[in-house]
Protein backbone atom coordinates (compact mmCIF):
# COMPACT_ATOMS: atom_id res chain seq x y z
CA MET A 1 43.54 -23.42 -45.79
CA ILE A 2 43.30 -20.09 -47.61
CA PHE A 3 39.70 -19.79 -46.46
CA LEU A 4 40.70 -20.37 -42.83
CA LYS A 5 43.45 -17.76 -43.06
CA ASN A 6 41.02 -15.22 -44.48
CA LEU A 7 38.45 -16.06 -41.79
CA LYS A 8 41.04 -15.47 -39.07
CA LYS A 9 41.91 -12.10 -40.61
CA ILE A 10 38.25 -11.12 -40.77
CA ILE A 11 37.69 -12.11 -37.12
CA LEU A 12 40.80 -10.15 -36.07
CA VAL A 13 39.58 -7.05 -37.94
CA ILE A 14 36.15 -7.32 -36.33
CA ILE A 15 37.70 -7.61 -32.85
CA LEU A 16 39.87 -4.55 -33.51
CA LEU A 17 36.83 -2.58 -34.71
CA ILE A 18 34.87 -3.54 -31.57
CA ILE A 19 37.78 -2.42 -29.35
CA ILE A 20 38.00 0.90 -31.21
CA ILE A 21 34.24 1.54 -30.99
CA VAL A 22 34.03 0.71 -27.26
CA GLY A 23 37.06 2.87 -26.54
CA SER A 24 35.53 5.76 -28.45
CA ILE A 25 32.26 5.51 -26.52
CA ILE A 26 34.10 5.55 -23.17
CA TYR A 27 36.18 8.53 -24.26
CA ILE A 28 33.11 10.49 -25.43
CA LYS A 29 31.25 9.87 -22.15
CA LYS A 30 34.30 10.85 -20.11
CA SER A 31 34.84 13.98 -22.21
CA LYS A 32 31.19 14.94 -21.91
CA LYS A 33 31.34 14.57 -18.14
CA GLU A 34 34.48 16.69 -17.97
CA ILE A 35 32.89 19.36 -20.16
CA ASN A 36 29.78 19.46 -17.96
CA GLU A 37 31.90 19.75 -14.82
CA ASN A 38 33.94 22.56 -16.37
CA GLU A 39 30.76 24.33 -17.39
CA ILE A 40 29.47 24.09 -13.84
CA ILE A 41 32.71 25.40 -12.36
CA ASN A 42 32.83 28.29 -14.79
CA ASN A 43 29.14 29.12 -14.24
CA LYS A 44 28.11 28.60 -17.86
CA ILE A 45 25.01 26.46 -17.42
CA SER A 46 21.38 27.24 -16.71
CA MET A 47 20.04 26.24 -13.30
CA GLY A 48 16.44 25.57 -12.35
CA ILE A 49 15.41 28.00 -9.62
CA GLY A 50 13.67 26.12 -6.84
CA GLU A 51 14.89 22.84 -8.29
CA PHE A 52 18.66 23.11 -7.91
CA SER A 53 20.39 19.77 -7.97
CA GLU A 54 21.57 18.90 -4.47
CA GLU A 55 24.98 18.29 -6.02
CA PHE A 56 25.44 22.04 -6.37
CA LEU A 57 23.84 23.16 -3.11
CA GLU A 58 24.88 23.03 0.52
CA GLN A 59 22.93 23.33 3.74
CA VAL A 60 23.44 26.43 5.88
CA ASN A 61 23.91 26.87 9.62
CA ILE A 62 22.06 29.27 11.89
CA ASN A 63 24.90 31.82 11.77
CA GLU A 64 24.51 32.10 8.00
CA VAL A 65 20.72 32.26 8.24
CA MET A 66 20.80 35.16 10.71
CA GLN A 67 23.46 37.00 8.71
CA LEU A 68 21.52 36.66 5.46
CA LYS A 69 18.26 37.67 7.14
CA SER A 70 19.93 40.81 8.48
CA CYS A 71 21.14 41.67 4.96
CA MET A 72 17.68 41.14 3.50
CA ASP A 73 16.05 43.17 6.30
CA LYS A 74 18.44 46.04 5.54
CA PHE A 75 17.65 45.87 1.82
CA LEU A 76 13.88 45.67 2.36
CA GLN A 77 13.97 48.53 4.85
CA SER A 78 15.45 50.73 2.12
CA THR A 79 12.39 50.02 -0.06
CA ASN A 80 10.00 51.41 2.59
CA ILE A 81 9.29 54.92 1.29
CA LYS A 82 7.76 55.87 4.66
CA SER A 83 10.78 54.69 6.65
CA SER A 84 11.82 56.86 9.59
CA ALA A 85 15.24 57.04 7.89
CA TYR A 86 13.65 59.22 5.20
CA PHE A 87 11.42 61.37 7.43
CA GLY A 88 11.83 63.87 10.25
CA LYS A 89 10.28 66.97 11.79
CA ASN A 90 10.76 70.43 10.38
CA GLU A 91 11.06 73.68 12.34
CA TYR A 92 7.30 73.67 12.90
CA GLY A 93 7.27 70.15 14.33
CA GLU A 94 5.63 68.71 11.21
CA LEU A 95 6.65 65.30 9.88
CA VAL A 96 8.20 65.80 6.44
CA GLN A 97 10.25 63.81 3.97
CA LEU A 98 13.89 64.79 4.41
CA VAL A 99 15.28 63.23 1.23
CA SER A 100 14.21 63.18 -2.40
CA ASP A 101 12.55 60.27 -4.16
CA ASP A 102 15.67 59.92 -6.30
CA PHE A 103 17.78 59.56 -3.14
CA ILE A 104 15.57 56.66 -2.01
CA LYS A 105 15.81 54.95 -5.40
CA ASN A 106 19.58 55.38 -5.55
CA LYS A 107 19.89 53.90 -2.08
CA VAL A 108 17.93 50.83 -3.17
CA ILE A 109 20.08 50.49 -6.28
CA SER A 110 23.21 50.56 -4.10
CA PHE A 111 22.27 47.13 -2.72
CA LEU A 112 21.67 45.52 -6.09
CA SER A 113 24.00 43.12 -7.84
CA GLU A 114 26.03 44.69 -10.65
CA ASN A 115 24.84 41.86 -12.88
CA PHE A 116 21.22 42.63 -12.05
CA ILE A 117 21.73 46.31 -12.82
CA SER A 118 23.43 45.63 -16.15
CA ASP A 119 21.09 42.79 -17.18
CA ASN A 120 18.02 45.02 -16.71
CA ASN A 121 19.57 48.43 -17.47
CA ILE A 122 18.47 49.64 -14.04
CA THR A 123 18.10 53.40 -13.55
CA ILE A 124 16.16 55.58 -11.13
CA GLU A 125 13.55 55.94 -13.88
CA ASN A 126 12.77 52.21 -14.10
CA ILE A 127 13.86 50.75 -10.74
CA ASP A 128 10.26 50.51 -9.48
CA LYS A 129 9.51 48.05 -12.30
CA TYR A 130 12.05 45.59 -10.89
CA VAL A 131 11.97 46.23 -7.14
CA LYS A 132 8.80 46.49 -5.05
CA PHE A 133 8.55 49.69 -2.99
CA SER A 134 6.16 49.87 -0.05
CA SER A 135 4.75 52.45 2.33
CA SER A 136 5.05 49.93 5.21
CA VAL A 137 7.73 47.66 6.59
CA GLN A 138 8.38 44.59 4.43
CA ASN A 139 9.39 41.54 6.47
CA LEU A 140 10.94 38.46 4.92
CA ASN A 141 9.88 35.10 6.34
CA ILE A 142 12.55 32.70 5.13
CA LEU A 143 11.34 29.33 3.86
CA ASP A 144 14.64 27.95 2.59
CA ILE A 145 18.25 28.96 2.07
CA LYS A 146 20.94 27.01 0.23
CA ARG A 147 24.58 27.88 -0.29
CA ILE A 148 25.59 27.60 -3.94
CA LYS A 149 28.85 25.68 -4.34
CA ASN A 150 31.50 27.77 -6.02
CA GLU A 151 35.09 26.90 -5.20
CA HIS A 152 36.62 29.43 -7.58
CA THR A 153 35.68 32.66 -5.82
CA ASP A 154 36.19 34.34 -2.46
CA LEU A 155 32.53 35.35 -2.54
CA LYS A 156 29.72 33.23 -1.11
CA GLN A 157 26.40 33.01 -2.91
CA TYR A 158 23.08 31.91 -1.46
CA PHE A 159 19.70 31.10 -2.95
CA ILE A 160 16.84 32.31 -0.73
CA ILE A 161 13.11 31.55 -0.95
CA GLY A 162 10.64 33.31 1.31
CA ASP A 163 7.39 35.17 1.86
CA ILE A 164 7.07 38.94 2.08
CA ILE A 165 4.88 39.99 5.02
CA ILE A 166 3.50 43.56 5.11
CA ASP A 167 1.35 44.69 8.04
CA SER A 168 1.13 41.06 9.21
CA LYS A 169 -0.39 40.00 5.87
CA LEU A 170 1.11 37.88 3.10
CA ASN A 171 2.09 40.16 0.23
CA GLY A 172 3.73 37.59 -2.02
CA ASN A 173 6.49 35.05 -2.51
CA CYS A 174 10.05 36.03 -3.29
CA LYS A 175 13.35 34.59 -4.47
CA TYR A 176 16.79 36.16 -4.23
CA ILE A 177 20.41 35.41 -4.85
CA ILE A 178 22.49 37.04 -2.10
CA THR A 179 26.25 37.41 -2.51
CA LEU A 180 28.47 38.00 0.51
CA ASP A 181 32.00 39.34 0.47
CA ASN A 182 33.12 38.51 4.00
CA LYS A 183 36.55 40.07 3.50
CA GLN A 184 35.09 43.49 2.80
CA ARG A 185 31.98 42.77 4.90
CA ILE A 186 29.62 43.81 2.11
CA PHE A 187 26.77 42.16 0.19
CA SER A 188 24.67 42.41 -2.97
CA VAL A 189 21.12 41.37 -3.86
CA TYR A 190 19.86 39.85 -7.10
CA PRO A 191 16.02 39.79 -7.01
CA LEU A 192 14.43 36.98 -8.98
CA LYS A 193 10.88 36.79 -10.24
CA ALA A 194 8.85 34.56 -7.96
CA ASP A 195 7.55 32.56 -10.93
CA MET A 196 10.95 32.26 -12.61
CA ASP A 197 11.67 28.61 -13.42
CA ASN A 198 15.13 28.94 -14.89
CA VAL A 199 17.98 31.40 -14.64
CA GLU A 200 21.45 31.46 -16.10
CA GLU A 201 23.78 31.16 -13.14
CA GLU A 202 26.49 33.22 -14.83
CA LYS A 203 24.08 36.18 -14.86
CA VAL A 204 23.22 36.12 -11.17
CA ILE A 205 26.59 35.27 -9.62
CA ASP A 206 28.64 38.38 -9.00
CA LYS A 207 32.38 38.16 -9.58
CA LYS A 208 32.92 41.18 -7.35
CA ILE A 209 31.05 43.65 -5.17
CA VAL A 210 31.90 47.33 -5.01
CA LYS A 211 31.72 48.83 -1.54
CA ASN A 212 29.46 51.85 -1.06
CA ASN A 213 27.88 53.80 1.79
CA TYR A 214 25.02 51.33 2.33
CA ASN A 215 25.90 47.73 1.48
CA ALA A 216 27.84 46.80 4.62
CA ILE A 217 26.82 43.48 6.20
CA PRO A 218 25.01 44.34 9.47
CA VAL A 219 26.30 43.15 12.82
CA VAL A 220 24.07 40.28 13.93
CA SER A 221 22.91 39.54 17.46
CA MET A 222 23.15 35.80 18.13
CA THR A 223 21.71 35.64 21.65
CA GLN A 224 19.37 32.83 22.66
CA GLU A 225 16.59 35.41 22.84
CA GLU A 226 17.11 36.54 19.24
CA LEU A 227 17.30 32.97 17.96
CA SER A 228 14.13 32.05 19.88
CA LYS A 229 12.34 35.05 18.38
CA PHE A 230 13.50 34.11 14.88
CA TYR A 231 12.26 30.53 15.14
CA PHE A 232 8.97 31.57 16.76
CA GLU A 233 8.20 34.15 14.04
CA ASN A 234 9.32 31.76 11.30
CA MET A 235 6.99 29.07 12.65
CA LYS A 236 4.09 31.51 13.14
CA TYR A 237 4.14 32.91 9.60
CA MET A 238 4.59 29.46 8.14
CA LEU A 239 1.47 28.29 10.00
CA LEU A 240 -0.44 31.26 8.60
CA TYR A 241 0.77 31.40 5.01
CA ASN A 242 2.52 28.13 4.15
CA LYS A 243 0.46 25.39 5.76
CA ASN A 244 1.88 22.62 3.56
CA GLN A 245 5.44 23.50 4.50
CA ALA A 246 4.48 23.95 8.16
CA TYR A 247 2.98 20.45 8.08
CA GLU A 248 6.29 19.06 6.78
CA HIS A 249 8.08 20.76 9.68
CA LEU A 250 6.01 18.87 12.24
CA ASN A 251 7.76 16.05 14.07
CA GLU A 252 6.70 12.90 12.19
CA SER A 253 5.41 10.95 15.20
CA TYR A 254 3.69 14.03 16.57
CA ARG A 255 2.13 14.84 13.19
CA GLN A 256 0.58 11.40 12.88
CA GLU A 257 -0.66 11.25 16.47
CA ARG A 258 -2.08 14.81 16.64
CA PHE A 259 -3.48 15.29 13.12
CA GLY A 260 -3.17 12.13 11.03
CA SER A 261 -3.55 14.00 7.74
CA ILE A 262 -2.78 17.35 6.20
CA GLU A 263 -6.52 17.98 5.77
CA GLU A 264 -7.03 17.72 9.54
CA PHE A 265 -4.05 20.02 10.09
CA ASN A 266 -5.42 22.59 7.64
CA ASN A 267 -8.82 22.49 9.35
CA TYR A 268 -7.14 23.15 12.70
CA ILE A 269 -5.29 26.18 11.28
CA GLU A 270 -8.41 27.60 9.63
CA ASN A 271 -10.44 27.23 12.84
CA ASN A 272 -7.80 29.04 14.91
CA LEU A 273 -6.48 31.73 12.55
CA GLU A 274 -7.23 34.63 14.87
CA GLU A 275 -5.26 33.15 17.76
CA ILE A 276 -2.30 32.21 15.54
CA GLU A 277 -2.24 35.75 14.11
CA THR A 278 -2.08 37.27 17.60
CA MET A 279 0.28 34.83 19.30
CA GLU A 280 3.44 36.39 20.73
CA LEU A 281 6.54 34.93 22.30
CA VAL A 282 6.69 35.72 26.03
CA LYS A 283 9.11 33.11 27.40
CA TYR A 284 11.66 30.67 26.09
CA LYS A 285 14.09 28.02 27.27
CA VAL A 286 16.97 26.56 25.29
CA ASN A 287 18.42 23.08 25.88
CA ALA A 288 21.61 22.28 23.97
CA ASN A 289 23.25 18.88 23.50
CA ASN A 290 26.24 19.37 21.18
CA ASN A 291 24.70 20.29 17.80
CA ASP A 292 21.17 19.24 18.80
CA ILE A 293 19.25 22.18 20.22
CA GLU A 294 15.74 22.20 21.70
CA TYR A 295 13.76 25.43 22.01
CA LEU A 296 10.75 25.57 24.36
CA LEU A 297 8.76 28.58 23.17
CA VAL A 298 5.84 29.90 25.25
CA ASP A 299 3.27 32.28 23.78
CA LYS A 300 1.02 34.77 25.58
CA TYR A 301 -1.67 32.09 25.89
CA GLN A 302 0.83 29.87 27.77
CA ASN A 303 0.88 27.38 24.91
CA ILE A 304 4.28 25.66 24.69
CA TYR A 305 5.90 24.83 21.35
CA ILE A 306 8.83 22.43 21.09
CA LEU A 307 11.28 23.12 18.28
CA ASN A 308 14.29 20.89 17.60
CA THR A 309 17.12 21.82 15.29
CA SER A 310 20.71 20.82 14.49
CA ASN A 311 23.40 21.93 12.05
CA GLU A 312 20.82 22.31 9.27
CA ALA A 313 19.17 25.36 10.77
CA LEU A 314 16.04 25.50 8.60
CA LYS A 315 15.25 21.79 8.77
CA TYR A 316 13.83 22.09 12.26
CA LYS A 317 11.00 19.96 13.62
CA ILE A 318 8.05 21.28 15.64
CA GLN A 319 5.55 20.03 18.18
CA LEU A 320 2.68 22.42 18.83
CA ASP A 321 2.10 21.18 22.38
CA THR A 322 3.69 19.19 25.20
CA TYR A 323 0.92 16.64 25.75
CA THR A 324 0.42 14.76 22.46
CA LEU A 325 3.73 12.97 22.94
CA ASP A 326 4.45 12.76 26.66
CA LEU A 327 7.80 14.32 27.50
CA GLU A 328 10.30 12.39 29.59
CA GLU A 329 10.03 15.09 32.28
CA PHE A 330 6.27 14.51 32.45
CA LYS A 331 6.68 10.73 32.64
CA LYS A 332 9.17 11.01 35.49
CA ALA A 333 6.97 13.45 37.41
CA TYR A 334 3.92 11.24 36.80
CA ASN A 335 5.67 8.02 37.84
CA ASP A 336 6.95 9.63 41.04
CA ALA A 337 3.59 11.20 41.92
CA THR A 338 0.83 9.94 44.19
CA GLU A 339 -2.44 9.05 42.50
CA LYS A 340 -4.03 12.32 43.66
CA ASN A 341 -1.16 14.27 42.13
CA ARG A 342 -1.46 12.23 38.94
CA VAL A 343 -5.05 13.44 38.71
CA LYS A 344 -3.82 17.04 38.95
CA LEU A 345 -1.18 16.42 36.26
CA ASN A 346 -3.84 14.99 33.95
CA ILE A 347 -6.21 17.90 34.52
CA ASP A 348 -3.38 20.30 33.72
CA LYS A 349 -2.83 18.35 30.50
CA TRP A 350 -6.54 18.54 29.62
CA VAL A 351 -6.68 22.31 30.23
CA LYS A 352 -3.66 22.65 27.91
CA MET A 353 -5.73 20.89 25.23
CA LEU A 354 -8.48 23.48 25.70
CA ASN A 355 -5.98 26.34 25.53
CA CYS A 356 -4.57 24.86 22.30
CA ARG A 357 -8.12 24.52 20.94
CA ASP A 358 -7.40 20.82 20.53
CA TYR A 359 -10.98 19.74 21.07
CA LYS A 360 -10.46 16.49 19.20
CA THR A 361 -8.00 15.17 21.80
CA ALA A 362 -9.92 16.67 24.73
CA TYR A 363 -13.07 14.90 23.47
CA LYS A 364 -11.27 11.55 23.41
CA CYS A 365 -10.43 11.95 27.10
CA LEU A 366 -14.09 12.05 28.11
CA ASP A 367 -15.71 9.06 29.79
CA GLU A 368 -17.72 7.23 27.15
CA THR A 369 -21.03 7.30 29.04
CA PHE A 370 -20.64 11.00 29.89
CA ARG A 371 -19.70 11.75 26.30
CA ASN A 372 -22.64 9.89 24.80
CA ASN A 373 -25.14 11.46 27.21
CA ASN A 374 -24.00 15.05 26.66
CA PHE A 375 -22.21 15.38 23.33
CA ALA A 376 -23.41 13.35 20.39
CA SER A 377 -20.40 14.35 18.32
CA GLU A 378 -17.01 15.98 18.51
CA GLU A 379 -18.52 19.02 16.74
CA GLU A 380 -21.13 19.45 19.48
CA PHE A 381 -18.42 19.24 22.12
CA GLU A 382 -16.29 21.87 20.37
CA LYS A 383 -19.28 24.20 20.01
CA TYR A 384 -20.07 23.88 23.73
CA MET A 385 -16.48 24.38 24.85
CA ARG A 386 -15.93 27.43 22.62
CA GLU A 387 -19.11 28.97 24.08
CA LYS A 388 -18.55 28.12 27.76
CA PHE A 389 -14.72 28.26 27.83
CA PRO A 390 -13.84 30.89 25.20
CA LEU A 391 -10.60 32.17 26.77
CA HIS A 392 -7.19 30.77 27.70
CA TYR A 393 -6.99 29.59 31.27
CA LYS A 394 -4.68 29.28 34.23
CA LEU A 395 -5.53 26.27 36.39
CA SER A 396 -5.84 26.23 40.17
CA VAL A 397 -6.83 23.06 42.00
CA GLY A 398 -8.61 22.60 45.28
CA SER A 399 -9.41 19.56 47.38
CA THR A 400 -9.28 16.00 45.99
CA GLU A 401 -11.56 13.14 47.07
CA GLU A 402 -11.31 9.47 46.12
CA VAL A 403 -14.21 6.99 46.15
CA ASN A 404 -13.85 3.48 44.72
CA GLY A 405 -11.07 4.42 42.30
CA LEU A 406 -12.78 7.59 41.07
CA TYR A 407 -11.26 10.96 41.92
CA LYS A 408 -13.28 14.13 42.45
CA GLN A 409 -11.20 17.27 41.94
CA ARG A 410 -12.32 20.88 42.41
CA ILE A 411 -10.76 23.33 39.94
CA ILE A 412 -10.74 27.08 39.26
CA LEU A 413 -9.98 28.51 35.82
CA GLU A 414 -8.83 32.12 35.40
CA ASP A 415 -8.12 34.01 32.17
CA ILE A 416 -4.39 34.10 31.42
CA THR A 417 -4.51 37.21 29.23
CA GLY A 418 -6.43 39.43 31.66
CA VAL A 419 -9.32 40.04 29.27
CA SER A 420 -11.80 38.81 31.87
CA ASP A 421 -11.85 38.80 35.68
CA GLU A 422 -14.32 35.93 35.74
CA LYS A 423 -13.36 32.78 37.61
CA ILE A 424 -14.85 29.51 36.44
CA GLU A 425 -15.30 26.84 39.10
CA ASN A 426 -15.95 23.24 38.18
CA THR A 427 -15.55 19.68 39.35
CA ILE A 428 -13.65 17.00 37.45
CA ILE A 429 -14.41 13.30 37.97
CA MET A 430 -11.44 11.19 36.80
CA GLN A 431 -10.46 7.55 36.52
CA LEU A 432 -6.76 6.77 36.04
CA LYS A 433 -5.78 4.26 33.38
CA ASP A 434 -2.52 2.57 32.42
CA ASN A 435 0.20 4.16 30.24
CA TYR A 436 -0.48 7.72 31.42
CA GLU A 437 -4.07 7.61 30.15
CA PHE A 438 -7.28 8.65 31.89
CA VAL A 439 -10.98 9.24 31.34
CA MET A 440 -12.96 12.07 32.91
CA SER A 441 -16.16 14.04 33.11
CA PHE A 442 -16.92 17.56 34.27
CA GLY A 443 -19.86 19.63 35.45
CA ILE A 444 -21.98 21.08 32.65
CA GLU A 445 -24.67 23.74 32.78
């Protein structure tokens, strides 16, 4: 009996010890979580730049993007030592610098975060070690912006990643923390080293911004034209200098159908660098459906780019043409058209392929016998087309004849850009297929 009583006591003690241990573990985990959350709120932890946890970041809308870009443009303009703001003509009509070098450096410093200035002991003597000055305009092409969550301040902080473009050439990558005080309508800039992996958040987040003569937030134009220009330039520079990111911006279905792989996409960019470098926005159309917005952007070569965006302004999707995935407007027009007009619609589509330098797709449209007899490979076809059709063309169509299901269509091609007055006349032989497909041949020399 005594043994049983002792055994019961031992079991009871063990149970009590287990309860105490489990309770302690739960309390420690809870306390640790609370400490971490408090550290985050009070900005006491280190954060990985470029690898922020999504828990502490928020997506931005187009209003914020344009406002932040205007702030960065203003800051970067101050670093241009040849800016018209610093130069003028003297009494002899000569262009001279109107302000001192120290004035320029002090102006740049006026935009900088107080934390950045104190952390690096910034003065006019050492500012050029921490901020890049240029003798040309520095343009920022934004790759990503995230709002940093901070519920305990009236200021808003943003983490920005981008490319610096000088004279239409990539100068380098950049990272910034931008702080906005929307009550005072002022901002500050904390430049980060492009290769910086970690930064203590408490060092880069300003608790206040002091207003001065230069750090006012610029008034931003939010017209459809300005937004179209922003997206067009953003897309263009991404195609030139950030091909991997540009590839990720492609509409998924379009990306697979048009290129199939990033290697094919990169080859396309490399083979058409000159035209991408010189492309300019000449027309645009904006279609809005609540928060979903579609931009149709037309360049000087009459190539049409489709860009779709929503609330997350920088997570847009692109299509580089209107023919790889048939648009609903095209399908309706095609379905309502006579067969002769369908031929004309298809020829227009094929000429668009040539203007986009999409020789791979244009080659697939060729009749198999014609293709095998004249072009042993896609490479031979591209070489021929670049030699015989080197420009970008406007299509005019003449008479159409039909014999046994084959259509003979006269066409005239004229240079869109006005570089050449030459008119190219040719004849297209086309057979219509199902599902908006066709095969064709053309006259060759």
